[in-house]
Amino acid sequence: MKSAFLIAAPCSGSGKTTIARGLMALLTQKGMKVQPFKCGPDYIDTKFHEAVCGRPSINLDSFMATPDHIRELFTRYGAEADVCVVEGMMGLFDGYDREKGSSYEIARILNLPVVLVVDAKSAAYSMAALLSGFIHFREDVRMAGVIFNKVGSEKHFSMLQQDCEDLNVECLGYLPKSPALEQNSRYLGLDFSEEAEQQELIKLLEEHVKWQKMVEC
């Protein structure tokens, strides 16, 4: 594999599934071989990953498997990929026993950089305090950068960029508020079965997110 990263969030509902699936689709459209992975025993998101990437999405579960087996799975399925995208579960540090079984544990086992997706709706400089906690809570977190979700305006995004500058963390862009991305949802996640909605998501990510920077991870 040439590059790899894990997409995580402070909590469920932050938009990591939307952004993970959209990035997989965008990178695939760019002609890259994208190998998807999913933290934990989730068999719904993996089907969406496979539909987008044209490759089976592999579960990485540190509750069910040893670190050596997780490394073996990651190496085997990612060997021929241009980029490996791992979608986290719940919040970054949420596991079955504190951080055990969490997305953080998978990132640590595989030494993966973490892209943190944060719901920035109705917040500005308070985001700096939240980000500082996630950056410094565990010193072995390799924070590749932050993507802000549900950003209200360019002015709002400019304020959020200042948060990242103060913390010396890469701001990888944002996803603006969009009714098209919020109106269709299922009880277990967003529904991007409609081609028009998926293309809208890809367009927004290409315009507002530094996807090239992420591929360099």
N, C-alpha and C. Protein backbone atom coordinates (compact mmCIF):
# COMPACT_ATOMS: atom_id res chain seq x y z
N MET A 1 0.84 -1.19 0.00
CA MET A 1 0.00 0.00 0.00
C MET A 1 0.88 1.25 0.00
N LYS A 2 0.36 2.33 -0.58
CA LYS A 2 1.13 3.57 -0.65
C LYS A 2 0.80 4.51 0.51
N SER A 3 -0.45 4.49 0.96
CA SER A 3 -0.84 5.36 2.07
C SER A 3 -2.02 4.74 2.80
N ALA A 4 -2.23 5.21 4.04
CA ALA A 4 -3.33 4.68 4.85
C ALA A 4 -3.65 5.67 5.96
N PHE A 5 -4.92 5.74 6.32
CA PHE A 5 -5.33 6.59 7.44
C PHE A 5 -6.64 6.07 8.00
N LEU A 6 -6.93 6.48 9.25
CA LEU A 6 -8.16 6.08 9.94
C LEU A 6 -9.01 7.32 10.17
N ILE A 7 -10.29 7.22 9.83
CA ILE A 7 -11.23 8.32 10.03
C ILE A 7 -12.02 8.07 11.31
N ALA A 8 -11.87 8.98 12.26
CA ALA A 8 -12.51 8.84 13.56
C ALA A 8 -13.30 10.10 13.89
N ALA A 9 -13.92 10.11 15.08
CA ALA A 9 -14.72 11.26 15.50
C ALA A 9 -14.78 11.29 17.02
N PRO A 10 -15.17 12.42 17.59
CA PRO A 10 -15.34 12.47 19.05
C PRO A 10 -16.49 11.60 19.55
N CYS A 11 -17.52 11.43 18.71
CA CYS A 11 -18.68 10.62 19.11
C CYS A 11 -19.45 10.21 17.87
N SER A 12 -20.37 9.29 18.04
CA SER A 12 -21.25 8.90 16.94
C SER A 12 -22.09 10.09 16.50
N GLY A 13 -22.43 10.12 15.23
CA GLY A 13 -23.25 11.20 14.71
C GLY A 13 -22.48 12.43 14.28
N SER A 14 -21.15 12.34 14.29
CA SER A 14 -20.33 13.50 13.91
C SER A 14 -20.18 13.64 12.41
N GLY A 15 -20.41 12.56 11.66
CA GLY A 15 -20.30 12.60 10.22
C GLY A 15 -19.17 11.77 9.65
N LYS A 16 -18.56 10.94 10.48
CA LYS A 16 -17.41 10.16 9.97
C LYS A 16 -17.82 9.16 8.90
N THR A 17 -19.01 8.57 9.02
CA THR A 17 -19.46 7.62 8.01
C THR A 17 -19.71 8.32 6.68
N THR A 18 -20.34 9.48 6.73
CA THR A 18 -20.57 10.27 5.52
C THR A 18 -19.26 10.60 4.83
N ILE A 19 -18.30 11.12 5.60
CA ILE A 19 -17.03 11.55 5.03
C ILE A 19 -16.18 10.37 4.60
N ALA A 20 -16.17 9.30 5.38
CA ALA A 20 -15.40 8.11 5.01
C ALA A 20 -15.90 7.54 3.69
N ARG A 21 -17.20 7.37 3.58
CA ARG A 21 -17.77 6.79 2.36
C ARG A 21 -17.59 7.73 1.16
N GLY A 22 -17.73 9.02 1.40
CA GLY A 22 -17.54 9.99 0.33
C GLY A 22 -16.11 10.03 -0.16
N LEU A 23 -15.15 9.96 0.77
CA LEU A 23 -13.74 9.95 0.37
C LEU A 23 -13.39 8.68 -0.40
N MET A 24 -13.94 7.56 0.04
CA MET A 24 -13.71 6.31 -0.69
C MET A 24 -14.19 6.44 -2.13
N ALA A 25 -15.38 7.03 -2.30
CA ALA A 25 -15.95 7.21 -3.64
C ALA A 25 -15.12 8.19 -4.46
N LEU A 26 -14.69 9.28 -3.83
CA LEU A 26 -13.89 10.29 -4.53
C LEU A 26 -12.56 9.72 -5.00
N LEU A 27 -11.86 9.03 -4.11
CA LEU A 27 -10.55 8.48 -4.47
C LEU A 27 -10.68 7.38 -5.52
N THR A 28 -11.76 6.62 -5.44
CA THR A 28 -12.01 5.59 -6.46
C THR A 28 -12.25 6.25 -7.82
N GLN A 29 -13.03 7.33 -7.83
CA GLN A 29 -13.26 8.06 -9.08
C GLN A 29 -11.97 8.64 -9.66
N LYS A 30 -11.01 8.94 -8.78
CA LYS A 30 -9.73 9.47 -9.23
C LYS A 30 -8.82 8.38 -9.80
N GLY A 31 -9.32 7.16 -9.84
CA GLY A 31 -8.57 6.05 -10.42
C GLY A 31 -7.71 5.29 -9.45
N MET A 32 -7.87 5.53 -8.15
CA MET A 32 -7.06 4.83 -7.15
C MET A 32 -7.72 3.52 -6.73
N LYS A 33 -6.89 2.56 -6.38
CA LYS A 33 -7.37 1.32 -5.77
C LYS A 33 -7.52 1.58 -4.27
N VAL A 34 -8.74 1.66 -3.81
CA VAL A 34 -9.03 1.99 -2.42
C VAL A 34 -9.45 0.73 -1.68
N GLN A 35 -8.70 0.38 -0.64
CA GLN A 35 -9.07 -0.77 0.18
C GLN A 35 -9.76 -0.27 1.44
N PRO A 36 -11.05 -0.58 1.62
CA PRO A 36 -11.77 -0.12 2.80
C PRO A 36 -11.67 -1.11 3.97
N PHE A 37 -11.68 -0.55 5.16
CA PHE A 37 -11.73 -1.32 6.40
C PHE A 37 -12.73 -0.65 7.35
N LYS A 38 -13.24 -1.43 8.29
CA LYS A 38 -14.15 -0.90 9.29
C LYS A 38 -13.77 -1.42 10.67
N CYS A 39 -13.63 -0.52 11.63
CA CYS A 39 -13.34 -0.93 13.00
C CYS A 39 -14.58 -1.58 13.62
N GLY A 40 -14.35 -2.66 14.35
CA GLY A 40 -15.43 -3.30 15.08
C GLY A 40 -16.24 -4.28 14.25
N PRO A 41 -17.23 -4.91 14.89
CA PRO A 41 -18.05 -5.93 14.21
C PRO A 41 -19.24 -5.34 13.49
N ASP A 42 -18.98 -4.43 12.56
CA ASP A 42 -20.03 -3.74 11.82
C ASP A 42 -20.13 -4.34 10.41
N TYR A 43 -21.30 -4.87 10.06
CA TYR A 43 -21.46 -5.53 8.77
C TYR A 43 -22.43 -4.78 7.85
N ILE A 44 -22.79 -3.56 8.24
CA ILE A 44 -23.63 -2.73 7.38
C ILE A 44 -22.78 -1.74 6.61
N ASP A 45 -21.95 -0.98 7.34
CA ASP A 45 -21.06 -0.03 6.67
C ASP A 45 -20.13 -0.73 5.68
N THR A 46 -19.72 -1.94 5.99
CA THR A 46 -18.82 -2.66 5.08
C THR A 46 -19.46 -2.91 3.72
N LYS A 47 -20.77 -3.12 3.70
CA LYS A 47 -21.47 -3.34 2.42
C LYS A 47 -21.49 -2.05 1.59
N PHE A 48 -21.67 -0.91 2.25
CA PHE A 48 -21.60 0.36 1.55
C PHE A 48 -20.19 0.61 1.02
N HIS A 49 -19.18 0.28 1.84
CA HIS A 49 -17.79 0.43 1.39
C HIS A 49 -17.53 -0.38 0.12
N GLU A 50 -17.97 -1.62 0.14
CA GLU A 50 -17.75 -2.52 -0.99
C GLU A 50 -18.43 -1.99 -2.25
N ALA A 51 -19.64 -1.46 -2.10
CA ALA A 51 -20.36 -0.93 -3.25
C ALA A 51 -19.62 0.25 -3.87
N VAL A 52 -18.99 1.05 -3.03
CA VAL A 52 -18.27 2.24 -3.51
C VAL A 52 -16.92 1.88 -4.10
N CYS A 53 -16.17 1.01 -3.42
CA CYS A 53 -14.78 0.71 -3.80
C CYS A 53 -14.62 -0.47 -4.75
N GLY A 54 -15.65 -1.33 -4.82
CA GLY A 54 -15.53 -2.51 -5.66
C GLY A 54 -14.62 -3.56 -5.07
N ARG A 55 -14.36 -3.46 -3.77
CA ARG A 55 -13.51 -4.42 -3.06
C ARG A 55 -14.15 -4.73 -1.72
N PRO A 56 -14.02 -5.96 -1.22
CA PRO A 56 -14.59 -6.28 0.09
C PRO A 56 -14.00 -5.41 1.18
N SER A 57 -14.84 -4.91 2.07
CA SER A 57 -14.39 -4.14 3.23
C SER A 57 -14.16 -5.11 4.39
N ILE A 58 -13.04 -4.95 5.07
CA ILE A 58 -12.61 -5.91 6.08
C ILE A 58 -12.76 -5.33 7.49
N ASN A 59 -13.36 -6.11 8.38
CA ASN A 59 -13.51 -5.70 9.77
C ASN A 59 -12.20 -5.88 10.54
N LEU A 60 -11.87 -4.87 11.32
CA LEU A 60 -10.71 -4.91 12.21
C LEU A 60 -11.24 -4.77 13.64
N ASP A 61 -11.27 -5.86 14.37
CA ASP A 61 -11.93 -5.90 15.67
C ASP A 61 -10.96 -6.43 16.72
N SER A 62 -10.47 -5.56 17.59
CA SER A 62 -9.49 -5.98 18.59
C SER A 62 -10.12 -6.68 19.79
N PHE A 63 -11.45 -6.79 19.80
CA PHE A 63 -12.11 -7.63 20.81
C PHE A 63 -12.09 -9.08 20.38
N MET A 64 -12.30 -9.31 19.07
CA MET A 64 -12.39 -10.67 18.54
C MET A 64 -11.05 -11.21 18.05
N ALA A 65 -10.10 -10.32 17.75
CA ALA A 65 -8.84 -10.76 17.13
C ALA A 65 -7.63 -10.21 17.87
N THR A 66 -6.52 -10.91 17.75
CA THR A 66 -5.28 -10.46 18.37
C THR A 66 -4.65 -9.34 17.53
N PRO A 67 -3.77 -8.55 18.14
CA PRO A 67 -3.06 -7.52 17.35
C PRO A 67 -2.32 -8.10 16.15
N ASP A 68 -1.70 -9.26 16.30
CA ASP A 68 -0.98 -9.87 15.18
C ASP A 68 -1.93 -10.22 14.04
N HIS A 69 -3.11 -10.73 14.37
CA HIS A 69 -4.07 -11.08 13.33
C HIS A 69 -4.59 -9.83 12.63
N ILE A 70 -4.82 -8.75 13.38
CA ILE A 70 -5.26 -7.48 12.79
C ILE A 70 -4.20 -6.96 11.82
N ARG A 71 -2.94 -7.02 12.22
CA ARG A 71 -1.85 -6.58 11.33
C ARG A 71 -1.79 -7.44 10.08
N GLU A 72 -2.00 -8.76 10.24
CA GLU A 72 -1.94 -9.67 9.10
C GLU A 72 -3.07 -9.37 8.12
N LEU A 73 -4.29 -9.12 8.63
CA LEU A 73 -5.42 -8.78 7.77
C LEU A 73 -5.16 -7.48 7.01
N PHE A 74 -4.67 -6.49 7.73
CA PHE A 74 -4.44 -5.18 7.13
C PHE A 74 -3.38 -5.27 6.03
N THR A 75 -2.32 -6.01 6.30
CA THR A 75 -1.24 -6.15 5.32
C THR A 75 -1.70 -6.94 4.10
N ARG A 76 -2.43 -8.02 4.34
CA ARG A 76 -2.86 -8.89 3.24
C ARG A 76 -3.83 -8.17 2.30
N TYR A 77 -4.86 -7.54 2.85
CA TYR A 77 -5.87 -6.92 2.00
C TYR A 77 -5.43 -5.58 1.45
N GLY A 78 -4.48 -4.93 2.12
CA GLY A 78 -4.03 -3.63 1.66
C GLY A 78 -2.82 -3.67 0.75
N ALA A 79 -2.27 -4.85 0.53
CA ALA A 79 -0.99 -4.97 -0.18
C ALA A 79 -1.00 -4.32 -1.56
N GLU A 80 -2.07 -4.50 -2.31
CA GLU A 80 -2.11 -4.00 -3.68
C GLU A 80 -2.87 -2.68 -3.82
N ALA A 81 -3.27 -2.09 -2.71
CA ALA A 81 -4.06 -0.87 -2.76
C ALA A 81 -3.17 0.36 -2.88
N ASP A 82 -3.73 1.40 -3.49
CA ASP A 82 -3.05 2.70 -3.50
C ASP A 82 -3.24 3.40 -2.17
N VAL A 83 -4.41 3.23 -1.58
CA VAL A 83 -4.71 3.86 -0.30
C VAL A 83 -5.66 2.97 0.49
N CYS A 84 -5.40 2.85 1.78
CA CYS A 84 -6.29 2.12 2.69
C CYS A 84 -7.03 3.14 3.55
N VAL A 85 -8.35 3.05 3.56
CA VAL A 85 -9.18 3.95 4.36
C VAL A 85 -9.90 3.11 5.41
N VAL A 86 -9.62 3.41 6.68
CA VAL A 86 -10.23 2.69 7.80
C VAL A 86 -11.28 3.59 8.44
N GLU A 87 -12.52 3.16 8.45
CA GLU A 87 -13.57 3.92 9.13
C GLU A 87 -13.67 3.46 10.57
N GLY A 88 -13.57 4.39 11.50
CA GLY A 88 -13.68 4.06 12.91
C GLY A 88 -15.12 3.80 13.31
N MET A 89 -15.31 3.57 14.61
CA MET A 89 -16.65 3.35 15.15
C MET A 89 -16.83 4.23 16.39
N MET A 90 -18.05 4.66 16.62
CA MET A 90 -18.39 5.49 17.79
C MET A 90 -17.38 6.62 17.94
N GLY A 91 -17.01 6.95 19.19
CA GLY A 91 -15.97 7.94 19.41
C GLY A 91 -14.59 7.29 19.35
N LEU A 92 -13.56 8.09 19.12
CA LEU A 92 -12.21 7.57 18.92
C LEU A 92 -11.77 6.63 20.03
N PHE A 93 -12.07 6.96 21.28
CA PHE A 93 -11.58 6.18 22.42
C PHE A 93 -12.64 5.24 23.01
N ASP A 94 -13.80 5.11 22.34
CA ASP A 94 -14.89 4.29 22.89
C ASP A 94 -14.70 2.82 22.55
N GLY A 95 -14.49 2.00 23.59
CA GLY A 95 -14.36 0.57 23.41
C GLY A 95 -15.24 -0.19 24.39
N TYR A 96 -15.05 -1.49 24.47
CA TYR A 96 -15.87 -2.29 25.38
C TYR A 96 -15.43 -2.11 26.82
N ASP A 97 -14.16 -1.70 27.03
CA ASP A 97 -13.63 -1.42 28.36
C ASP A 97 -12.67 -0.24 28.23
N ARG A 98 -13.20 0.96 28.49
CA ARG A 98 -12.44 2.18 28.21
C ARG A 98 -12.00 2.18 26.75
N GLU A 99 -10.69 2.26 26.47
CA GLU A 99 -10.26 2.32 25.07
C GLU A 99 -10.01 0.95 24.46
N LYS A 100 -10.17 -0.15 25.24
CA LYS A 100 -9.97 -1.48 24.67
C LYS A 100 -11.05 -1.79 23.64
N GLY A 101 -10.62 -2.17 22.45
CA GLY A 101 -11.56 -2.45 21.38
C GLY A 101 -11.99 -1.21 20.60
N SER A 102 -11.36 -0.08 20.86
CA SER A 102 -11.74 1.18 20.23
C SER A 102 -11.02 1.42 18.90
N SER A 103 -11.46 2.46 18.21
CA SER A 103 -10.76 2.89 16.99
C SER A 103 -9.33 3.32 17.32
N TYR A 104 -9.16 3.96 18.46
CA TYR A 104 -7.82 4.34 18.90
C TYR A 104 -6.91 3.13 19.00
N GLU A 105 -7.43 2.03 19.54
CA GLU A 105 -6.60 0.84 19.68
C GLU A 105 -6.19 0.28 18.31
N ILE A 106 -7.10 0.31 17.34
CA ILE A 106 -6.76 -0.13 15.99
C ILE A 106 -5.69 0.78 15.39
N ALA A 107 -5.85 2.09 15.56
CA ALA A 107 -4.85 3.03 15.04
C ALA A 107 -3.49 2.78 15.68
N ARG A 108 -3.48 2.46 16.97
CA ARG A 108 -2.22 2.21 17.67
C ARG A 108 -1.58 0.90 17.20
N ILE A 109 -2.38 -0.14 17.04
CA ILE A 109 -1.86 -1.43 16.59
C ILE A 109 -1.23 -1.32 15.20
N LEU A 110 -1.89 -0.54 14.32
CA LEU A 110 -1.44 -0.44 12.93
C LEU A 110 -0.59 0.81 12.67
N ASN A 111 -0.37 1.61 13.71
CA ASN A 111 0.40 2.85 13.59
C ASN A 111 -0.17 3.74 12.49
N LEU A 112 -1.48 3.94 12.53
CA LEU A 112 -2.17 4.72 11.51
C LEU A 112 -2.36 6.17 11.95
N PRO A 113 -2.19 7.12 11.04
CA PRO A 113 -2.57 8.50 11.34
C PRO A 113 -4.08 8.62 11.39
N VAL A 114 -4.57 9.49 12.27
CA VAL A 114 -6.00 9.66 12.49
C VAL A 114 -6.48 10.98 11.91
N VAL A 115 -7.54 10.90 11.11
CA VAL A 115 -8.25 12.09 10.63
C VAL A 115 -9.51 12.22 11.50
N LEU A 116 -9.61 13.31 12.24
CA LEU A 116 -10.72 13.48 13.16
C LEU A 116 -11.82 14.31 12.51
N VAL A 117 -13.02 13.74 12.43
CA VAL A 117 -14.19 14.43 11.87
C VAL A 117 -14.99 15.01 13.04
N VAL A 118 -15.19 16.32 13.01
CA VAL A 118 -15.84 17.01 14.13
C VAL A 118 -17.08 17.75 13.64
N ASP A 119 -18.20 17.55 14.32
CA ASP A 119 -19.42 18.30 14.06
C ASP A 119 -19.24 19.69 14.66
N ALA A 120 -19.10 20.70 13.79
CA ALA A 120 -18.80 22.06 14.24
C ALA A 120 -20.04 22.95 14.29
N LYS A 121 -21.20 22.38 14.13
CA LYS A 121 -22.44 23.17 14.15
C LYS A 121 -22.57 23.93 15.47
N SER A 122 -22.82 25.22 15.38
CA SER A 122 -23.09 26.08 16.54
C SER A 122 -21.90 26.19 17.49
N ALA A 123 -20.69 26.08 16.96
CA ALA A 123 -19.50 26.22 17.80
C ALA A 123 -18.39 26.87 16.99
N ALA A 124 -17.48 27.54 17.70
CA ALA A 124 -16.34 28.18 17.03
C ALA A 124 -15.08 27.93 17.85
N TYR A 125 -14.71 28.85 18.74
CA TYR A 125 -13.44 28.68 19.47
C TYR A 125 -13.53 27.59 20.53
N SER A 126 -14.72 27.21 20.93
CA SER A 126 -14.86 26.07 21.86
C SER A 126 -14.34 24.78 21.23
N MET A 127 -14.31 24.74 19.90
CA MET A 127 -13.75 23.58 19.22
C MET A 127 -12.29 23.37 19.58
N ALA A 128 -11.57 24.46 19.89
CA ALA A 128 -10.16 24.35 20.24
C ALA A 128 -9.98 23.52 21.50
N ALA A 129 -10.85 23.71 22.47
CA ALA A 129 -10.76 22.94 23.72
C ALA A 129 -11.04 21.46 23.46
N LEU A 130 -12.07 21.19 22.66
CA LEU A 130 -12.38 19.80 22.33
C LEU A 130 -11.23 19.14 21.59
N LEU A 131 -10.71 19.82 20.58
CA LEU A 131 -9.61 19.25 19.80
C LEU A 131 -8.37 19.03 20.65
N SER A 132 -8.09 19.97 21.52
CA SER A 132 -6.92 19.83 22.40
C SER A 132 -7.01 18.56 23.23
N GLY A 133 -8.21 18.27 23.71
CA GLY A 133 -8.40 17.06 24.51
C GLY A 133 -8.12 15.80 23.71
N PHE A 134 -8.61 15.73 22.47
CA PHE A 134 -8.41 14.54 21.65
C PHE A 134 -6.96 14.42 21.18
N ILE A 135 -6.31 15.53 20.97
CA ILE A 135 -4.91 15.49 20.53
C ILE A 135 -3.98 15.04 21.65
N HIS A 136 -4.26 15.48 22.88
CA HIS A 136 -3.32 15.26 23.98
C HIS A 136 -3.73 14.18 24.97
N PHE A 137 -4.95 13.64 24.83
CA PHE A 137 -5.43 12.64 25.80
C PHE A 137 -4.53 11.40 25.83
N ARG A 138 -4.11 10.94 24.66
CA ARG A 138 -3.15 9.85 24.55
C ARG A 138 -2.01 10.33 23.64
N GLU A 139 -0.82 10.34 24.18
CA GLU A 139 0.31 10.94 23.46
C GLU A 139 0.70 10.15 22.21
N ASP A 140 0.27 8.89 22.11
CA ASP A 140 0.64 8.10 20.93
C ASP A 140 -0.36 8.20 19.78
N VAL A 141 -1.34 9.11 19.89
CA VAL A 141 -2.25 9.35 18.77
C VAL A 141 -1.50 10.16 17.71
N ARG A 142 -1.47 9.64 16.49
CA ARG A 142 -0.87 10.37 15.36
C ARG A 142 -2.00 11.13 14.64
N MET A 143 -2.18 12.39 15.00
CA MET A 143 -3.28 13.15 14.45
C MET A 143 -2.88 13.75 13.10
N ALA A 144 -3.44 13.21 12.02
CA ALA A 144 -3.11 13.71 10.68
C ALA A 144 -3.78 15.04 10.41
N GLY A 145 -4.92 15.27 11.02
CA GLY A 145 -5.62 16.52 10.80
C GLY A 145 -7.10 16.41 11.15
N VAL A 146 -7.80 17.50 10.91
CA VAL A 146 -9.21 17.62 11.30
C VAL A 146 -10.05 18.03 10.09
N ILE A 147 -11.21 17.40 9.96
CA ILE A 147 -12.23 17.82 8.99
C ILE A 147 -13.45 18.26 9.79
N PHE A 148 -13.93 19.46 9.53
CA PHE A 148 -15.10 19.97 10.23
C PHE A 148 -16.36 19.68 9.40
N ASN A 149 -17.40 19.22 10.07
CA ASN A 149 -18.66 18.91 9.42
C ASN A 149 -19.72 19.94 9.81
N LYS A 150 -20.69 20.13 8.92
CA LYS A 150 -21.83 21.03 9.15
C LYS A 150 -21.36 22.46 9.41
N VAL A 151 -20.46 22.93 8.58
CA VAL A 151 -19.95 24.30 8.70
C VAL A 151 -20.94 25.26 8.02
N GLY A 152 -21.25 26.35 8.72
CA GLY A 152 -22.32 27.22 8.26
C GLY A 152 -21.95 28.21 7.18
N SER A 153 -20.67 28.62 7.12
CA SER A 153 -20.27 29.65 6.16
C SER A 153 -18.75 29.68 6.07
N GLU A 154 -18.24 30.45 5.10
CA GLU A 154 -16.79 30.63 4.98
C GLU A 154 -16.23 31.32 6.22
N LYS A 155 -16.98 32.27 6.77
CA LYS A 155 -16.55 32.95 8.00
C LYS A 155 -16.44 31.94 9.15
N HIS A 156 -17.43 31.08 9.26
CA HIS A 156 -17.40 30.05 10.29
C HIS A 156 -16.16 29.17 10.11
N PHE A 157 -15.88 28.76 8.89
CA PHE A 157 -14.72 27.92 8.63
C PHE A 157 -13.42 28.65 8.97
N SER A 158 -13.36 29.95 8.66
CA SER A 158 -12.17 30.73 8.99
C SER A 158 -11.90 30.72 10.49
N MET A 159 -12.93 30.79 11.29
CA MET A 159 -12.79 30.74 12.75
C MET A 159 -12.29 29.37 13.19
N LEU A 160 -12.79 28.33 12.55
CA LEU A 160 -12.36 26.97 12.89
C LEU A 160 -10.91 26.73 12.48
N GLN A 161 -10.48 27.33 11.38
CA GLN A 161 -9.08 27.23 10.97
C GLN A 161 -8.16 27.84 12.02
N GLN A 162 -8.61 28.92 12.65
CA GLN A 162 -7.81 29.53 13.71
C GLN A 162 -7.62 28.57 14.88
N ASP A 163 -8.65 27.79 15.19
CA ASP A 163 -8.53 26.77 16.24
C ASP A 163 -7.37 25.83 15.93
N CYS A 164 -7.33 25.36 14.70
CA CYS A 164 -6.29 24.42 14.29
C CYS A 164 -4.91 25.07 14.32
N GLU A 165 -4.84 26.33 13.90
CA GLU A 165 -3.56 27.04 13.92
C GLU A 165 -3.05 27.17 15.34
N ASP A 166 -3.93 27.48 16.29
CA ASP A 166 -3.53 27.63 17.68
C ASP A 166 -3.02 26.32 18.27
N LEU A 167 -3.55 25.20 17.76
CA LEU A 167 -3.16 23.88 18.28
C LEU A 167 -2.08 23.21 17.44
N ASN A 168 -1.68 23.88 16.37
CA ASN A 168 -0.66 23.34 15.46
C ASN A 168 -1.07 21.96 14.92
N VAL A 169 -2.32 21.87 14.51
CA VAL A 169 -2.83 20.65 13.90
C VAL A 169 -3.35 21.00 12.51
N GLU A 170 -3.18 20.11 11.56
CA GLU A 170 -3.57 20.36 10.17
C GLU A 170 -5.10 20.46 10.04
N CYS A 171 -5.56 21.53 9.42
CA CYS A 171 -6.97 21.64 9.06
C CYS A 171 -7.13 21.10 7.65
N LEU A 172 -7.82 19.99 7.52
CA LEU A 172 -7.95 19.31 6.23
C LEU A 172 -9.18 19.73 5.45
N GLY A 173 -9.95 20.68 6.00
CA GLY A 173 -11.10 21.18 5.26
C GLY A 173 -12.41 20.99 6.00
N TYR A 174 -13.47 21.04 5.23
CA TYR A 174 -14.79 20.98 5.87
C TYR A 174 -15.85 20.48 4.89
N LEU A 175 -16.96 20.12 5.47
CA LEU A 175 -18.17 19.78 4.71
C LEU A 175 -19.25 20.76 5.14
N PRO A 176 -19.79 21.54 4.22
CA PRO A 176 -20.81 22.53 4.61
C PRO A 176 -22.14 21.88 4.95
N LYS A 177 -22.96 22.65 5.66
CA LYS A 177 -24.33 22.19 5.89
C LYS A 177 -25.00 21.99 4.54
N SER A 178 -25.66 20.86 4.39
CA SER A 178 -26.32 20.57 3.11
C SER A 178 -27.56 19.72 3.36
N PRO A 179 -28.74 20.25 3.05
CA PRO A 179 -29.97 19.47 3.21
C PRO A 179 -29.92 18.15 2.44
N ALA A 180 -29.20 18.15 1.32
CA ALA A 180 -29.13 16.93 0.49
C ALA A 180 -28.43 15.81 1.22
N LEU A 181 -27.53 16.16 2.16
CA LEU A 181 -26.79 15.13 2.89
C LEU A 181 -27.48 14.74 4.19
N GLU A 182 -28.48 15.49 4.59
CA GLU A 182 -29.12 15.25 5.88
C GLU A 182 -30.54 14.68 5.75
N GLN A 183 -31.18 14.84 4.58
CA GLN A 183 -32.59 14.49 4.50
C GLN A 183 -32.82 12.99 4.44
N ASN A 184 -31.94 12.23 3.80
CA ASN A 184 -32.15 10.80 3.66
C ASN A 184 -31.29 10.05 4.66
N SER A 185 -31.91 9.45 5.66
CA SER A 185 -31.15 8.68 6.63
C SER A 185 -31.92 7.41 6.99
N ARG A 186 -31.16 6.39 7.33
CA ARG A 186 -31.75 5.15 7.80
C ARG A 186 -31.48 5.03 9.28
N TYR A 187 -32.14 4.11 9.93
CA TYR A 187 -31.94 3.98 11.36
C TYR A 187 -30.54 3.52 11.72
N LEU A 188 -29.79 3.00 10.76
CA LEU A 188 -28.42 2.58 11.03
C LEU A 188 -27.40 3.35 10.19
N GLY A 189 -27.77 4.53 9.73
CA GLY A 189 -26.78 5.32 9.01
C GLY A 189 -27.36 6.03 7.80
N LEU A 190 -26.54 6.84 7.19
CA LEU A 190 -26.99 7.61 6.03
C LEU A 190 -27.16 6.71 4.82
N ASP A 191 -28.12 7.07 4.01
CA ASP A 191 -28.43 6.29 2.80
C ASP A 191 -27.96 7.06 1.58
N PHE A 192 -26.90 6.55 0.93
CA PHE A 192 -26.41 7.18 -0.29
C PHE A 192 -26.63 6.26 -1.48
N SER A 193 -27.75 5.55 -1.45
CA SER A 193 -28.06 4.67 -2.57
C SER A 193 -28.43 5.46 -3.81
N GLU A 194 -28.87 6.72 -3.63
CA GLU A 194 -29.20 7.56 -4.77
C GLU A 194 -27.93 8.13 -5.36
N GLU A 195 -27.71 7.91 -6.63
CA GLU A 195 -26.49 8.35 -7.30
C GLU A 195 -26.31 9.86 -7.22
N ALA A 196 -27.38 10.62 -7.34
CA ALA A 196 -27.28 12.08 -7.30
C ALA A 196 -26.75 12.57 -5.96
N GLU A 197 -27.20 11.94 -4.89
CA GLU A 197 -26.74 12.33 -3.56
C GLU A 197 -25.26 11.99 -3.37
N GLN A 198 -24.86 10.83 -3.86
CA GLN A 198 -23.46 10.44 -3.74
C GLN A 198 -22.57 11.39 -4.53
N GLN A 199 -23.00 11.77 -5.73
CA GLN A 199 -22.21 12.70 -6.54
C GLN A 199 -22.12 14.08 -5.90
N GLU A 200 -23.19 14.50 -5.24
CA GLU A 200 -23.17 15.78 -4.53
C GLU A 200 -22.15 15.74 -3.40
N LEU A 201 -22.12 14.64 -2.68
CA LEU A 201 -21.16 14.48 -1.59
C LEU A 201 -19.73 14.50 -2.14
N ILE A 202 -19.48 13.77 -3.20
CA ILE A 202 -18.14 13.74 -3.81
C ILE A 202 -17.73 15.15 -4.25
N LYS A 203 -18.64 15.87 -4.85
CA LYS A 203 -18.35 17.23 -5.32
C LYS A 203 -17.98 18.14 -4.15
N LEU A 204 -18.70 18.07 -3.06
CA LEU A 204 -18.42 18.92 -1.90
C LEU A 204 -17.08 18.58 -1.27
N LEU A 205 -16.77 17.29 -1.19
CA LEU A 205 -15.49 16.88 -0.62
C LEU A 205 -14.32 17.32 -1.50
N GLU A 206 -14.50 17.19 -2.81
CA GLU A 206 -13.43 17.59 -3.72
C GLU A 206 -13.17 19.09 -3.63
N GLU A 207 -14.23 19.87 -3.41
CA GLU A 207 -14.11 21.32 -3.36
C GLU A 207 -13.55 21.82 -2.03
N HIS A 208 -13.90 21.15 -0.93
CA HIS A 208 -13.64 21.72 0.39
C HIS A 208 -12.66 20.94 1.27
N VAL A 209 -12.22 19.78 0.82
CA VAL A 209 -11.33 18.95 1.64
C VAL A 209 -10.00 18.72 0.92
N LYS A 210 -8.92 18.76 1.67
CA LYS A 210 -7.58 18.53 1.11
C LYS A 210 -7.32 17.03 0.97
N TRP A 211 -8.04 16.42 0.04
CA TRP A 211 -7.94 14.97 -0.10
C TRP A 211 -6.56 14.54 -0.57
N GLN A 212 -5.88 15.40 -1.36
CA GLN A 212 -4.53 15.05 -1.79
C GLN A 212 -3.58 14.93 -0.61
N LYS A 213 -3.77 15.84 0.37
CA LYS A 213 -2.94 15.80 1.59
C LYS A 213 -3.17 14.51 2.35
N MET A 214 -4.40 14.03 2.37
CA MET A 214 -4.72 12.81 3.10
C MET A 214 -4.08 11.59 2.43
N VAL A 215 -4.04 11.62 1.12
CA VAL A 215 -3.43 10.50 0.39
C VAL A 215 -1.92 10.42 0.63
N GLU A 216 -1.33 11.50 1.08
CA GLU A 216 0.10 11.52 1.39
C GLU A 216 0.42 10.92 2.75
N CYS A 217 -0.61 10.60 3.54
CA CYS A 217 -0.38 10.08 4.90
C CYS A 217 0.37 8.74 4.85
